[in-house]
């Protein structure tokens, strides 16, 4: 379990590795917001910036 802060991204490892989702989210606050994006749209948007995409790939390998 982890407590995440603003700007934290989760679940991207499963998208990168093309596997079933392994991350669940529980909101402990009544004032939080969670945004989600379809897998294909996520990949398209993240690949727009090569540095961002490289960071996502690297972080996915570290967490595995």
PDB file of N, CA and C in Angstrom:
ATOM      1  N   UNK A   1       0.845  -1.166   0.000  1.00  0.00           N
ATOM      2  CA  UNK A   1       0.000   0.000   0.000  1.00  0.00           C
ATOM      3  C   UNK A   1       0.895   1.235   0.000  1.00  0.00           C
ATOM      4  N   UNK A   2       0.437   2.268  -0.691  1.00  0.00           N
ATOM      5  CA  UNK A   2       1.184   3.524  -0.753  1.00  0.00           C
ATOM      6  C   UNK A   2       0.206   4.687  -0.699  1.00  0.00           C
ATOM      7  N   UNK A   3       0.664   5.764  -0.132  1.00  0.00           N
ATOM      8  CA  UNK A   3      -0.096   7.007  -0.171  1.00  0.00           C
ATOM      9  C   UNK A   3       0.517   7.849  -1.270  1.00  0.00           C
ATOM     10  N   UNK A   4      -0.312   8.278  -2.194  1.00  0.00           N
ATOM     11  CA  UNK A   4       0.202   9.041  -3.331  1.00  0.00           C
ATOM     12  C   UNK A   4      -0.167  10.509  -3.200  1.00  0.00           C
ATOM     13  N   UNK A   5       0.596  11.322  -3.883  1.00  0.00           N
ATOM     14  CA  UNK A   5       0.384  12.761  -3.846  1.00  0.00           C
ATOM     15  C   UNK A   5       0.050  13.280  -5.237  1.00  0.00           C
ATOM     16  N   UNK A   6      -0.206  14.537  -5.320  1.00  0.00           N
ATOM     17  CA  UNK A   6      -0.558  15.180  -6.581  1.00  0.00           C
ATOM     18  C   UNK A   6       0.480  14.880  -7.661  1.00  0.00           C
ATOM     19  N   UNK A   7       0.003  14.514  -8.827  1.00  0.00           N
ATOM     20  CA  UNK A   7       0.885  14.255  -9.959  1.00  0.00           C
ATOM     21  C   UNK A   7       1.432  12.848 -10.037  1.00  0.00           C
ATOM     22  N   UNK A   8       1.117  12.012  -9.063  1.00  0.00           N
ATOM     23  CA  UNK A   8       1.620  10.649  -9.047  1.00  0.00           C
ATOM     24  C   UNK A   8       0.883   9.816 -10.091  1.00  0.00           C
ATOM     25  N   UNK A   9       1.616   8.976 -10.803  1.00  0.00           N
ATOM     26  CA  UNK A   9       1.015   8.126 -11.827  1.00  0.00           C
ATOM     27  C   UNK A   9       1.108   6.687 -11.356  1.00  0.00           C
ATOM     28  N   UNK A  10       0.033   5.937 -11.508  1.00  0.00           N
ATOM     29  CA  UNK A  10       0.063   4.535 -11.131  1.00  0.00           C
ATOM     30  C   UNK A  10      -0.654   3.695 -12.166  1.00  0.00           C
ATOM     31  N   UNK A  11      -0.235   2.442 -12.258  1.00  0.00           N
ATOM     32  CA  UNK A  11      -0.830   1.517 -13.214  1.00  0.00           C
ATOM     33  C   UNK A  11      -0.137   1.504 -14.561  1.00  0.00           C
ATOM     34  N   UNK A  12       0.788   2.411 -14.783  1.00  0.00           N
ATOM     35  CA  UNK A  12       1.444   2.485 -16.088  1.00  0.00           C
ATOM     36  C   UNK A  12       2.312   1.258 -16.369  1.00  0.00           C
ATOM     37  N   UNK A  13       2.805   0.595 -15.330  1.00  0.00           N
ATOM     38  CA  UNK A  13       3.621  -0.593 -15.533  1.00  0.00           C
ATOM     39  C   UNK A  13       2.827  -1.674 -16.263  1.00  0.00           C
ATOM     40  N   UNK A  14       1.573  -1.823 -15.883  1.00  0.00           N
ATOM     41  CA  UNK A  14       0.722  -2.837 -16.513  1.00  0.00           C
ATOM     42  C   UNK A  14       0.449  -2.499 -17.973  1.00  0.00           C
ATOM     43  N   UNK A  15       0.301  -1.225 -18.270  1.00  0.00           N
ATOM     44  CA  UNK A  15       0.088  -0.803 -19.659  1.00  0.00           C
ATOM     45  C   UNK A  15       1.333  -1.103 -20.486  1.00  0.00           C
ATOM     46  N   UNK A  16       2.484  -0.729 -19.978  1.00  0.00           N
ATOM     47  CA  UNK A  16       3.744  -0.927 -20.693  1.00  0.00           C
ATOM     48  C   UNK A  16       4.007  -2.411 -20.929  1.00  0.00           C
ATOM     49  N   UNK A  17       3.701  -3.234 -19.943  1.00  0.00           N
ATOM     50  CA  UNK A  17       3.973  -4.669 -20.040  1.00  0.00           C
ATOM     51  C   UNK A  17       2.809  -5.459 -20.626  1.00  0.00           C
ATOM     52  N   UNK A  18       1.770  -4.730 -21.042  1.00  0.00           N
ATOM     53  CA  UNK A  18       0.604  -5.330 -21.697  1.00  0.00           C
ATOM     54  C   UNK A  18       0.056  -6.515 -20.894  1.00  0.00           C
ATOM     55  N   UNK A  19      -0.229  -6.264 -19.633  1.00  0.00           N
ATOM     56  CA  UNK A  19      -0.754  -7.312 -18.768  1.00  0.00           C
ATOM     57  C   UNK A  19      -2.019  -6.804 -18.063  1.00  0.00           C
ATOM     58  N   UNK A  20      -2.726  -7.712 -17.427  1.00  0.00           N
ATOM     59  CA  UNK A  20      -3.908  -7.318 -16.669  1.00  0.00           C
ATOM     60  C   UNK A  20      -3.501  -6.362 -15.551  1.00  0.00           C
ATOM     61  N   UNK A  21      -4.397  -5.492 -15.185  1.00  0.00           N
ATOM     62  CA  UNK A  21      -4.098  -4.505 -14.158  1.00  0.00           C
ATOM     63  C   UNK A  21      -3.864  -5.174 -12.803  1.00  0.00           C
ATOM     64  N   UNK A  22      -2.837  -4.697 -12.118  1.00  0.00           N
ATOM     65  CA  UNK A  22      -2.479  -5.240 -10.811  1.00  0.00           C
ATOM     66  C   UNK A  22      -2.595  -4.188  -9.713  1.00  0.00           C
ATOM     67  N   UNK A  23      -3.032  -2.992 -10.068  1.00  0.00           N
ATOM     68  CA  UNK A  23      -3.113  -1.884  -9.120  1.00  0.00           C
ATOM     69  C   UNK A  23      -4.565  -1.551  -8.819  1.00  0.00           C
ATOM     70  N   UNK A  24      -4.869  -1.388  -7.550  1.00  0.00           N
ATOM     71  CA  UNK A  24      -6.190  -0.937  -7.114  1.00  0.00           C
ATOM     72  C   UNK A  24      -6.036   0.393  -6.408  1.00  0.00           C
ATOM     73  N   UNK A  25      -7.096   1.166  -6.404  1.00  0.00           N
ATOM     74  CA  UNK A  25      -7.060   2.481  -5.780  1.00  0.00           C
ATOM     75  C   UNK A  25      -8.219   2.609  -4.808  1.00  0.00           C
ATOM     76  N   UNK A  26      -7.921   3.141  -3.634  1.00  0.00           N
ATOM     77  CA  UNK A  26      -8.935   3.458  -2.639  1.00  0.00           C
ATOM     78  C   UNK A  26      -8.715   4.907  -2.232  1.00  0.00           C
ATOM     79  N   UNK A  27      -9.751   5.689  -2.304  1.00  0.00           N
ATOM     80  CA  UNK A  27      -9.647   7.094  -1.924  1.00  0.00           C
ATOM     81  C   UNK A  27     -10.058   7.237  -0.458  1.00  0.00           C
ATOM     82  N   UNK A  28      -9.170   7.852   0.320  1.00  0.00           N
ATOM     83  CA  UNK A  28      -9.435   8.037   1.739  1.00  0.00           C
ATOM     84  C   UNK A  28      -9.946   9.441   2.052  1.00  0.00           C
ATOM     85  N   UNK A  29     -10.093  10.261   1.048  1.00  0.00           N
ATOM     86  CA  UNK A  29     -10.505  11.644   1.241  1.00  0.00           C
ATOM     87  C   UNK A  29     -11.767  11.932   0.438  1.00  0.00           C
ATOM     88  N   UNK A  30     -12.552  12.863   0.908  1.00  0.00           N
ATOM     89  CA  UNK A  30     -13.749  13.264   0.173  1.00  0.00           C
ATOM     90  C   UNK A  30     -13.454  14.382  -0.818  1.00  0.00           C
ATOM     91  N   UNK A  31     -12.226  14.883  -0.807  1.00  0.00           N
ATOM     92  CA  UNK A  31     -11.897  16.007  -1.678  1.00  0.00           C
ATOM     93  C   UNK A  31     -10.837  15.665  -2.730  1.00  0.00           C
ATOM     94  N   UNK A  32     -10.545  14.408  -2.935  1.00  0.00           N
ATOM     95  CA  UNK A  32      -9.532  13.997  -3.910  1.00  0.00           C
ATOM     96  C   UNK A  32     -10.143  13.825  -5.289  1.00  0.00           C
ATOM     97  N   UNK A  33      -9.267  13.831  -6.285  1.00  0.00           N
ATOM     98  CA  UNK A  33      -9.680  13.587  -7.666  1.00  0.00           C
ATOM     99  C   UNK A  33      -8.757  12.538  -8.257  1.00  0.00           C
ATOM    100  N   UNK A  34      -9.340  11.626  -8.993  1.00  0.00           N
ATOM    101  CA  UNK A  34      -8.591  10.601  -9.686  1.00  0.00           C
ATOM    102  C   UNK A  34      -8.962  10.686 -11.158  1.00  0.00           C
ATOM    103  N   UNK A  35      -7.967  10.777 -11.995  1.00  0.00           N
ATOM    104  CA  UNK A  35      -8.192  10.834 -13.429  1.00  0.00           C
ATOM    105  C   UNK A  35      -7.723   9.536 -14.052  1.00  0.00           C
ATOM    106  N   UNK A  36      -8.468   9.076 -15.032  1.00  0.00           N
ATOM    107  CA  UNK A  36      -8.064   7.867 -15.742  1.00  0.00           C
ATOM    108  C   UNK A  36      -8.067   8.145 -17.245  1.00  0.00           C
ATOM    109  N   UNK A  37      -7.330   7.322 -17.962  1.00  0.00           N
ATOM    110  CA  UNK A  37      -7.205   7.483 -19.404  1.00  0.00           C
ATOM    111  C   UNK A  37      -7.128   6.094 -20.022  1.00  0.00           C
ATOM    112  N   UNK A  38      -7.703   5.944 -21.186  1.00  0.00           N
ATOM    113  CA  UNK A  38      -7.638   4.663 -21.889  1.00  0.00           C
ATOM    114  C   UNK A  38      -6.191   4.336 -22.235  1.00  0.00           C
ATOM    115  N   UNK A  39      -5.886   3.059 -22.260  1.00  0.00           N
ATOM    116  CA  UNK A  39      -4.523   2.593 -22.518  1.00  0.00           C
ATOM    117  C   UNK A  39      -3.938   3.160 -23.813  1.00  0.00           C
ATOM    118  N   UNK A  40      -4.660   3.058 -24.897  1.00  0.00           N
ATOM    119  CA  UNK A  40      -4.145   3.522 -26.191  1.00  0.00           C
ATOM    120  C   UNK A  40      -3.905   5.027 -26.196  1.00  0.00           C
ATOM    121  N   UNK A  41      -4.803   5.778 -25.582  1.00  0.00           N
ATOM    122  CA  UNK A  41      -4.645   7.233 -25.512  1.00  0.00           C
ATOM    123  C   UNK A  41      -3.446   7.587 -24.638  1.00  0.00           C
ATOM    124  N   UNK A  42      -3.254   6.866 -23.545  1.00  0.00           N
ATOM    125  CA  UNK A  42      -2.099   7.086 -22.681  1.00  0.00           C
ATOM    126  C   UNK A  42      -0.800   6.925 -23.463  1.00  0.00           C
ATOM    127  N   UNK A  43      -0.696   5.842 -24.213  1.00  0.00           N
ATOM    128  CA  UNK A  43       0.518   5.574 -24.988  1.00  0.00           C
ATOM    129  C   UNK A  43       0.750   6.672 -26.019  1.00  0.00           C
ATOM    130  N   UNK A  44      -0.276   7.056 -26.741  1.00  0.00           N
ATOM    131  CA  UNK A  44      -0.138   8.115 -27.750  1.00  0.00           C
ATOM    132  C   UNK A  44       0.348   9.411 -27.102  1.00  0.00           C
ATOM    133  N   UNK A  45      -0.284   9.798 -26.016  1.00  0.00           N
ATOM    134  CA  UNK A  45       0.084  11.064 -25.358  1.00  0.00           C
ATOM    135  C   UNK A  45       1.496  11.027 -24.778  1.00  0.00           C
ATOM    136  N   UNK A  46       1.862   9.938 -24.152  1.00  0.00           N
ATOM    137  CA  UNK A  46       3.175   9.860 -23.528  1.00  0.00           C
ATOM    138  C   UNK A  46       4.300   9.779 -24.552  1.00  0.00           C
ATOM    139  N   UNK A  47       4.030   9.162 -25.687  1.00  0.00           N
ATOM    140  CA  UNK A  47       5.049   9.043 -26.728  1.00  0.00           C
ATOM    141  C   UNK A  47       5.302  10.364 -27.456  1.00  0.00           C
ATOM    142  N   UNK A  48       4.467  11.353 -27.238  1.00  0.00           N
ATOM    143  CA  UNK A  48       4.679  12.661 -27.869  1.00  0.00           C
ATOM    144  C   UNK A  48       5.984  13.294 -27.419  1.00  0.00           C
ATOM    145  N   UNK A  49       6.422  12.939 -26.231  1.00  0.00           N
ATOM    146  CA  UNK A  49       7.678  13.466 -25.702  1.00  0.00           C
ATOM    147  C   UNK A  49       8.597  12.283 -25.423  1.00  0.00           C
ATOM    148  N   UNK A  50       9.688  12.198 -26.166  1.00  0.00           N
ATOM    149  CA  UNK A  50      10.597  11.051 -26.061  1.00  0.00           C
ATOM    150  C   UNK A  50      11.170  10.904 -24.657  1.00  0.00           C
ATOM    151  N   UNK A  51      11.484  12.016 -24.005  1.00  0.00           N
ATOM    152  CA  UNK A  51      12.039  11.947 -22.647  1.00  0.00           C
ATOM    153  C   UNK A  51      11.014  11.395 -21.656  1.00  0.00           C
ATOM    154  N   UNK A  52       9.790  11.835 -21.785  1.00  0.00           N
ATOM    155  CA  UNK A  52       8.724  11.337 -20.912  1.00  0.00           C
ATOM    156  C   UNK A  52       8.532   9.847 -21.105  1.00  0.00           C
ATOM    157  N   UNK A  53       8.456   9.416 -22.352  1.00  0.00           N
ATOM    158  CA  UNK A  53       8.253   8.003 -22.659  1.00  0.00           C
ATOM    159  C   UNK A  53       9.407   7.165 -22.103  1.00  0.00           C
ATOM    160  N   UNK A  54      10.624   7.642 -22.242  1.00  0.00           N
ATOM    161  CA  UNK A  54      11.795   6.940 -21.730  1.00  0.00           C
ATOM    162  C   UNK A  54      11.732   6.812 -20.207  1.00  0.00           C
ATOM    163  N   UNK A  55      11.311   7.861 -19.532  1.00  0.00           N
ATOM    164  CA  UNK A  55      11.170   7.824 -18.070  1.00  0.00           C
ATOM    165  C   UNK A  55      10.116   6.811 -17.644  1.00  0.00           C
ATOM    166  N   UNK A  56       9.022   6.755 -18.366  1.00  0.00           N
ATOM    167  CA  UNK A  56       7.952   5.802 -18.053  1.00  0.00           C
ATOM    168  C   UNK A  56       8.449   4.371 -18.229  1.00  0.00           C
ATOM    169  N   UNK A  57       9.160   4.107 -19.310  1.00  0.00           N
ATOM    170  CA  UNK A  57       9.709   2.774 -19.552  1.00  0.00           C
ATOM    171  C   UNK A  57      10.682   2.401 -18.437  1.00  0.00           C
ATOM    172  N   UNK A  58      11.581   3.309 -18.100  1.00  0.00           N
ATOM    173  CA  UNK A  58      12.563   3.043 -17.041  1.00  0.00           C
ATOM    174  C   UNK A  58      11.897   2.785 -15.687  1.00  0.00           C
ATOM    175  N   UNK A  59      10.919   3.600 -15.340  1.00  0.00           N
ATOM    176  CA  UNK A  59      10.263   3.408 -14.042  1.00  0.00           C
ATOM    177  C   UNK A  59       9.479   2.101 -14.008  1.00  0.00           C
ATOM    178  N   UNK A  60       8.964   1.679 -15.144  1.00  0.00           N
ATOM    179  CA  UNK A  60       8.237   0.405 -15.215  1.00  0.00           C
ATOM    180  C   UNK A  60       9.171  -0.774 -14.990  1.00  0.00           C
ATOM    181  N   UNK A  61      10.386  -0.662 -15.473  1.00  0.00           N
ATOM    182  CA  UNK A  61      11.358  -1.746 -15.295  1.00  0.00           C
ATOM    183  C   UNK A  61      11.837  -1.809 -13.855  1.00  0.00           C
ATOM    184  N   UNK A  62      11.975  -0.673 -13.215  1.00  0.00           N
ATOM    185  CA  UNK A  62      12.444  -0.631 -11.837  1.00  0.00           C
ATOM    186  C   UNK A  62      11.424  -1.264 -10.890  1.00  0.00           C
ATOM    187  N   UNK A  63      10.137  -0.992 -11.127  1.00  0.00           N
ATOM    188  CA  UNK A  63       9.086  -1.465 -10.228  1.00  0.00           C
ATOM    189  C   UNK A  63       8.815  -2.950 -10.357  1.00  0.00           C
ATOM    190  N   UNK A  64       9.260  -3.557 -11.426  1.00  0.00           N
ATOM    191  CA  UNK A  64       8.929  -4.955 -11.666  1.00  0.00           C
ATOM    192  C   UNK A  64       9.758  -5.865 -10.872  1.00  0.00           C
TER     193      UNK A  64
END
